[in-house]
PDB file of N, CA and C in Angstrom:
ATOM      1  N   UNK A   1     135.510  69.771  68.611  1.00  0.00           N
ATOM      2  CA  UNK A   1     135.118  68.845  69.391  1.00  0.00           C
ATOM      3  C   UNK A   1     135.505  67.010  68.981  1.00  0.00           C
ATOM      4  N   UNK A   2     135.879  66.478  69.557  1.00  0.00           N
ATOM      5  CA  UNK A   2     135.830  64.906  69.001  1.00  0.00           C
ATOM      6  C   UNK A   2     134.384  64.712  68.241  1.00  0.00           C
ATOM      7  N   UNK A   3     134.357  63.586  67.428  1.00  0.00           N
ATOM      8  CA  UNK A   3     132.990  63.430  67.167  1.00  0.00           C
ATOM      9  C   UNK A   3     132.557  61.975  68.120  1.00  0.00           C
ATOM     10  N   UNK A   4     131.401  61.833  68.195  1.00  0.00           N
ATOM     11  CA  UNK A   4     131.156  61.121  68.610  1.00  0.00           C
ATOM     12  C   UNK A   4     130.199  59.404  67.869  1.00  0.00           C
ATOM     13  N   UNK A   5     131.331  58.740  68.772  1.00  0.00           N
ATOM     14  CA  UNK A   5     131.132  56.926  67.759  1.00  0.00           C
ATOM     15  C   UNK A   5     129.886  56.444  68.262  1.00  0.00           C
ATOM     16  N   UNK A   6     129.655  55.977  67.099  1.00  0.00           N
ATOM     17  CA  UNK A   6     128.100  54.640  66.754  1.00  0.00           C
ATOM     18  C   UNK A   6     128.492  53.923  67.836  1.00  0.00           C
ATOM     19  N   UNK A   7     127.323  53.520  68.119  1.00  0.00           N
ATOM     20  CA  UNK A   7     126.921  53.090  69.158  1.00  0.00           C
ATOM     21  C   UNK A   7     127.340  50.785  68.537  1.00  0.00           C
ATOM     22  N   UNK A   8     127.511  50.325  69.903  1.00  0.00           N
ATOM     23  CA  UNK A   8     128.416  49.084  68.791  1.00  0.00           C
ATOM     24  C   UNK A   8     127.007  48.311  68.477  1.00  0.00           C
ATOM     25  N   UNK A   9     127.626  47.304  67.064  1.00  0.00           N
ATOM     26  CA  UNK A   9     126.083  46.582  66.489  1.00  0.00           C
ATOM     27  C   UNK A   9     125.682  45.284  67.680  1.00  0.00           C
ATOM     28  N   UNK A  10     124.761  45.216  67.601  1.00  0.00           N
ATOM     29  CA  UNK A  10     124.158  44.517  68.266  1.00  0.00           C
ATOM     30  C   UNK A  10     123.042  43.158  67.876  1.00  0.00           C
ATOM     31  N   UNK A  11     123.566  41.620  68.831  1.00  0.00           N
ATOM     32  CA  UNK A  11     123.169  40.559  67.685  1.00  0.00           C
ATOM     33  C   UNK A  11     121.903  40.654  67.110  1.00  0.00           C
ATOM     34  N   UNK A  12     121.209  40.162  66.102  1.00  0.00           N
ATOM     35  CA  UNK A  12     120.267  39.657  65.014  1.00  0.00           C
ATOM     36  C   UNK A  12     119.402  38.664  65.597  1.00  0.00           C
ATOM     37  N   UNK A  13     119.184  38.917  66.667  1.00  0.00           N
ATOM     38  CA  UNK A  13     118.156  37.556  67.276  1.00  0.00           C
ATOM     39  C   UNK A  13     117.481  38.906  68.332  1.00  0.00           C
ATOM     40  N   UNK A  14     116.119  37.766  67.589  1.00  0.00           N
ATOM     41  CA  UNK A  14     114.664  38.350  68.957  1.00  0.00           C
ATOM     42  C   UNK A  14     114.617  37.482  70.291  1.00  0.00           C
ATOM     43  N   UNK A  15     114.238  38.893  71.022  1.00  0.00           N
ATOM     44  CA  UNK A  15     114.328  38.318  72.034  1.00  0.00           C
ATOM     45  C   UNK A  15     112.977  37.322  72.634  1.00  0.00           C
ATOM     46  N   UNK A  16     112.389  38.188  72.024  1.00  0.00           N
ATOM     47  CA  UNK A  16     110.931  36.791  72.425  1.00  0.00           C
ATOM     48  C   UNK A  16     111.721  35.509  72.124  1.00  0.00           C
ATOM     49  N   UNK A  17     112.341  35.005  71.897  1.00  0.00           N
ATOM     50  CA  UNK A  17     112.690  33.239  70.940  1.00  0.00           C
ATOM     51  C   UNK A  17     113.180  32.852  73.123  1.00  0.00           C
ATOM     52  N   UNK A  18     113.369  33.505  73.602  1.00  0.00           N
ATOM     53  CA  UNK A  18     114.067  32.948  74.941  1.00  0.00           C
ATOM     54  C   UNK A  18     112.769  33.182  76.038  1.00  0.00           C
ATOM     55  N   UNK A  19     111.645  33.296  75.244  1.00  0.00           N
ATOM     56  CA  UNK A  19     110.470  33.279  76.528  1.00  0.00           C
ATOM     57  C   UNK A  19     110.533  31.841  76.859  1.00  0.00           C
ATOM     58  N   UNK A  20     110.170  31.230  77.801  1.00  0.00           N
ATOM     59  CA  UNK A  20     109.630  30.024  78.067  1.00  0.00           C
ATOM     60  C   UNK A  20     110.498  28.994  78.539  1.00  0.00           C
ATOM     61  N   UNK A  21     111.851  29.337  78.202  1.00  0.00           N
ATOM     62  CA  UNK A  21     112.950  29.111  78.476  1.00  0.00           C
ATOM     63  C   UNK A  21     113.756  29.347  79.890  1.00  0.00           C
ATOM     64  N   UNK A  22     114.608  28.080  79.990  1.00  0.00           N
ATOM     65  CA  UNK A  22     115.090  28.001  81.543  1.00  0.00           C
ATOM     66  C   UNK A  22     116.173  29.203  81.517  1.00  0.00           C
ATOM     67  N   UNK A  23     116.133  29.693  82.633  1.00  0.00           N
ATOM     68  CA  UNK A  23     117.127  30.523  82.866  1.00  0.00           C
ATOM     69  C   UNK A  23     118.238  31.261  82.345  1.00  0.00           C
ATOM     70  N   UNK A  24     119.363  29.458  82.944  1.00  0.00           N
ATOM     71  CA  UNK A  24     120.778  29.487  82.522  1.00  0.00           C
ATOM     72  C   UNK A  24     120.597  29.014  81.379  1.00  0.00           C
ATOM     73  N   UNK A  25     119.271  28.315  80.209  1.00  0.00           N
ATOM     74  CA  UNK A  25     119.716  27.897  79.449  1.00  0.00           C
ATOM     75  C   UNK A  25     119.930  29.330  78.265  1.00  0.00           C
ATOM     76  N   UNK A  26     118.930  29.960  78.804  1.00  0.00           N
ATOM     77  CA  UNK A  26     118.314  31.092  77.538  1.00  0.00           C
ATOM     78  C   UNK A  26     119.533  32.393  77.797  1.00  0.00           C
ATOM     79  N   UNK A  27     120.262  32.032  79.330  1.00  0.00           N
ATOM     80  CA  UNK A  27     121.342  32.700  78.931  1.00  0.00           C
ATOM     81  C   UNK A  27     122.475  32.716  78.095  1.00  0.00           C
ATOM     82  N   UNK A  28     122.984  30.962  78.118  1.00  0.00           N
ATOM     83  CA  UNK A  28     123.914  30.366  77.876  1.00  0.00           C
ATOM     84  C   UNK A  28     124.009  30.608  76.101  1.00  0.00           C
ATOM     85  N   UNK A  29     122.668  30.344  75.562  1.00  0.00           N
ATOM     86  CA  UNK A  29     122.215  31.207  74.930  1.00  0.00           C
ATOM     87  C   UNK A  29     122.097  32.128  73.848  1.00  0.00           C
ATOM     88  N   UNK A  30     122.795  33.406  74.527  1.00  0.00           N
ATOM     89  CA  UNK A  30     122.333  34.476  74.506  1.00  0.00           C
ATOM     90  C   UNK A  30     124.120  34.801  74.514  1.00  0.00           C
ATOM     91  N   UNK A  31     123.953  34.402  75.576  1.00  0.00           N
ATOM     92  CA  UNK A  31     126.000  34.476  75.048  1.00  0.00           C
ATOM     93  C   UNK A  31     126.098  34.508  73.546  1.00  0.00           C
ATOM     94  N   UNK A  32     125.994  32.616  73.553  1.00  0.00           N
ATOM     95  CA  UNK A  32     126.629  32.420  72.393  1.00  0.00           C
ATOM     96  C   UNK A  32     126.045  33.403  70.855  1.00  0.00           C
ATOM     97  N   UNK A  33     124.989  33.230  70.822  1.00  0.00           N
ATOM     98  CA  UNK A  33     124.583  34.935  69.681  1.00  0.00           C
ATOM     99  C   UNK A  33     125.405  35.721  70.058  1.00  0.00           C
ATOM    100  N   UNK A  34     126.319  37.026  70.649  1.00  0.00           N
ATOM    101  CA  UNK A  34     127.120  37.504  70.980  1.00  0.00           C
ATOM    102  C   UNK A  34     126.531  38.827  72.113  1.00  0.00           C
ATOM    103  N   UNK A  35     125.177  38.228  72.068  1.00  0.00           N
ATOM    104  CA  UNK A  35     125.310  39.668  74.105  1.00  0.00           C
ATOM    105  C   UNK A  35     126.599  39.984  74.730  1.00  0.00           C
ATOM    106  N   UNK A  36     126.754  40.829  74.762  1.00  0.00           N
ATOM    107  CA  UNK A  36     127.622  41.348  75.356  1.00  0.00           C
ATOM    108  C   UNK A  36     127.065  41.316  77.719  1.00  0.00           C
ATOM    109  N   UNK A  37     126.095  41.770  77.401  1.00  0.00           N
ATOM    110  CA  UNK A  37     125.663  41.467  78.739  1.00  0.00           C
ATOM    111  C   UNK A  37     124.055  41.068  78.937  1.00  0.00           C
ATOM    112  N   UNK A  38     123.846  40.151  79.386  1.00  0.00           N
ATOM    113  CA  UNK A  38     122.413  39.694  79.758  1.00  0.00           C
ATOM    114  C   UNK A  38     122.323  39.783  81.465  1.00  0.00           C
ATOM    115  N   UNK A  39     120.946  40.506  81.958  1.00  0.00           N
ATOM    116  CA  UNK A  39     120.722  40.935  82.879  1.00  0.00           C
ATOM    117  C   UNK A  39     119.657  39.613  83.535  1.00  0.00           C
ATOM    118  N   UNK A  40     118.996  38.914  84.368  1.00  0.00           N
ATOM    119  CA  UNK A  40     118.039  38.269  85.235  1.00  0.00           C
ATOM    120  C   UNK A  40     117.140  39.062  86.071  1.00  0.00           C
ATOM    121  N   UNK A  41     116.320  38.815  85.977  1.00  0.00           N
ATOM    122  CA  UNK A  41     116.109  40.377  86.486  1.00  0.00           C
ATOM    123  C   UNK A  41     114.196  39.428  87.297  1.00  0.00           C
ATOM    124  N   UNK A  42     114.325  39.784  88.991  1.00  0.00           N
ATOM    125  CA  UNK A  42     112.638  39.016  89.408  1.00  0.00           C
ATOM    126  C   UNK A  42     111.925  39.906  88.928  1.00  0.00           C
ATOM    127  N   UNK A  43     109.680  39.634  88.686  1.00  0.00           N
ATOM    128  CA  UNK A  43     109.314  40.451  88.512  1.00  0.00           C
ATOM    129  C   UNK A  43     108.789  41.005  89.394  1.00  0.00           C
ATOM    130  N   UNK A  44     108.979  42.501  88.868  1.00  0.00           N
ATOM    131  CA  UNK A  44     108.384  44.035  89.839  1.00  0.00           C
ATOM    132  C   UNK A  44     109.996  44.307  90.314  1.00  0.00           C
ATOM    133  N   UNK A  45     111.348  44.300  89.290  1.00  0.00           N
ATOM    134  CA  UNK A  45     112.053  44.467  89.855  1.00  0.00           C
ATOM    135  C   UNK A  45     112.623  45.839  89.820  1.00  0.00           C
ATOM    136  N   UNK A  46     112.587  46.657  89.940  1.00  0.00           N
ATOM    137  CA  UNK A  46     112.582  48.099  89.458  1.00  0.00           C
ATOM    138  C   UNK A  46     113.940  48.754  89.624  1.00  0.00           C
ATOM    139  N   UNK A  47     113.592  48.985  88.634  1.00  0.00           N
ATOM    140  CA  UNK A  47     115.742  48.900  87.508  1.00  0.00           C
ATOM    141  C   UNK A  47     115.325  50.664  86.474  1.00  0.00           C
ATOM    142  N   UNK A  48     116.536  51.433  86.497  1.00  0.00           N
ATOM    143  CA  UNK A  48     116.286  52.127  85.249  1.00  0.00           C
ATOM    144  C   UNK A  48     116.218  52.135  84.270  1.00  0.00           C
ATOM    145  N   UNK A  49     115.852  52.689  83.350  1.00  0.00           N
ATOM    146  CA  UNK A  49     115.623  52.401  82.473  1.00  0.00           C
ATOM    147  C   UNK A  49     116.264  53.512  80.912  1.00  0.00           C
ATOM    148  N   UNK A  50     117.837  53.603  80.922  1.00  0.00           N
ATOM    149  CA  UNK A  50     118.859  53.693  80.293  1.00  0.00           C
ATOM    150  C   UNK A  50     118.979  52.523  79.284  1.00  0.00           C
ATOM    151  N   UNK A  51     119.206  52.491  78.109  1.00  0.00           N
ATOM    152  CA  UNK A  51     118.808  51.721  76.807  1.00  0.00           C
ATOM    153  C   UNK A  51     120.652  51.564  76.948  1.00  0.00           C
ATOM    154  N   UNK A  52     120.761  49.992  76.672  1.00  0.00           N
ATOM    155  CA  UNK A  52     122.134  49.697  77.018  1.00  0.00           C
ATOM    156  C   UNK A  52     122.243  48.961  75.276  1.00  0.00           C
ATOM    157  N   UNK A  53     123.075  49.250  74.870  1.00  0.00           N
ATOM    158  CA  UNK A  53     123.558  48.699  73.226  1.00  0.00           C
ATOM    159  C   UNK A  53     124.450  47.041  73.898  1.00  0.00           C
ATOM    160  N   UNK A  54     123.628  46.247  73.614  1.00  0.00           N
ATOM    161  CA  UNK A  54     124.933  44.699  73.130  1.00  0.00           C
ATOM    162  C   UNK A  54     123.636  43.973  74.353  1.00  0.00           C
ATOM    163  N   UNK A  55     122.998  45.047  75.515  1.00  0.00           N
ATOM    164  CA  UNK A  55     122.407  44.093  76.647  1.00  0.00           C
ATOM    165  C   UNK A  55     121.125  43.678  76.411  1.00  0.00           C
ATOM    166  N   UNK A  56     121.139  41.690  76.502  1.00  0.00           N
ATOM    167  CA  UNK A  56     119.275  41.307  76.772  1.00  0.00           C
ATOM    168  C   UNK A  56     119.050  41.128  78.087  1.00  0.00           C
ATOM    169  N   UNK A  57     118.194  41.383  79.016  1.00  0.00           N
ATOM    170  CA  UNK A  57     117.011  41.588  79.477  1.00  0.00           C
ATOM    171  C   UNK A  57     116.135  41.031  80.079  1.00  0.00           C
ATOM    172  N   UNK A  58     116.846  39.265  80.591  1.00  0.00           N
ATOM    173  CA  UNK A  58     115.047  38.655  81.232  1.00  0.00           C
ATOM    174  C   UNK A  58     114.259  38.688  82.677  1.00  0.00           C
ATOM    175  N   UNK A  59     113.283  38.883  82.440  1.00  0.00           N
ATOM    176  CA  UNK A  59     112.563  38.712  83.786  1.00  0.00           C
ATOM    177  C   UNK A  59     111.925  37.316  84.090  1.00  0.00           C
ATOM    178  N   UNK A  60     112.758  36.649  85.265  1.00  0.00           N
ATOM    179  CA  UNK A  60     112.650  35.591  85.531  1.00  0.00           C
ATOM    180  C   UNK A  60     111.798  35.210  86.743  1.00  0.00           C
ATOM    181  N   UNK A  61     111.219  33.911  86.548  1.00  0.00           N
ATOM    182  CA  UNK A  61     109.712  33.691  87.712  1.00  0.00           C
ATOM    183  C   UNK A  61     110.174  32.088  87.648  1.00  0.00           C
ATOM    184  N   UNK A  62     110.280  31.036  88.942  1.00  0.00           N
ATOM    185  CA  UNK A  62     110.333  30.291  88.777  1.00  0.00           C
ATOM    186  C   UNK A  62     110.961  29.153  87.870  1.00  0.00           C
ATOM    187  N   UNK A  63     111.990  30.236  87.753  1.00  0.00           N
ATOM    188  CA  UNK A  63     113.196  29.660  86.624  1.00  0.00           C
ATOM    189  C   UNK A  63     112.448  29.717  85.589  1.00  0.00           C
ATOM    190  N   UNK A  64     112.399  30.557  84.799  1.00  0.00           N
ATOM    191  CA  UNK A  64     111.682  30.625  83.610  1.00  0.00           C
ATOM    192  C   UNK A  64     111.601  31.653  82.983  1.00  0.00           C
ATOM    193  N   UNK A  65     111.922  31.871  82.027  1.00  0.00           N
ATOM    194  CA  UNK A  65     112.331  33.313  80.873  1.00  0.00           C
ATOM    195  C   UNK A  65     110.641  33.476  81.044  1.00  0.00           C
ATOM    196  N   UNK A  66     109.927  34.499  81.327  1.00  0.00           N
ATOM    197  CA  UNK A  66     108.612  34.785  81.115  1.00  0.00           C
ATOM    198  C   UNK A  66     108.851  36.388  80.302  1.00  0.00           C
ATOM    199  N   UNK A  67     109.590  37.086  79.890  1.00  0.00           N
ATOM    200  CA  UNK A  67     109.162  38.060  78.825  1.00  0.00           C
ATOM    201  C   UNK A  67     111.506  38.525  78.917  1.00  0.00           C
ATOM    202  N   UNK A  68     111.073  39.139  77.662  1.00  0.00           N
ATOM    203  CA  UNK A  68     112.947  39.255  76.981  1.00  0.00           C
ATOM    204  C   UNK A  68     112.815  41.073  76.733  1.00  0.00           C
ATOM    205  N   UNK A  69     113.252  41.818  76.634  1.00  0.00           N
ATOM    206  CA  UNK A  69     113.475  42.887  75.995  1.00  0.00           C
ATOM    207  C   UNK A  69     115.021  43.033  76.044  1.00  0.00           C
ATOM    208  N   UNK A  70     115.424  43.924  74.482  1.00  0.00           N
ATOM    209  CA  UNK A  70     116.568  44.651  74.472  1.00  0.00           C
ATOM    210  C   UNK A  70     116.943  45.539  75.334  1.00  0.00           C
ATOM    211  N   UNK A  71     117.986  46.359  75.497  1.00  0.00           N
ATOM    212  CA  UNK A  71     118.888  47.789  76.308  1.00  0.00           C
ATOM    213  C   UNK A  71     118.502  47.475  77.977  1.00  0.00           C
TER     214      UNK A  71
END
């Protein structure tokens, strides 16, 4: 059986650094810092709980990032 490859590396970045930023500015910065996927969600959006390496999630309310987390 073939070995399972290691997951890709994630940027060394603090998700809390995006709190309070405008959503478009936060997404631009996240991509510049190496996040392969950036996802903006409305408060209360139903999402699956799988962890995806390289993904940064933003909860956006009134155009501002209120919460940010990896995966």
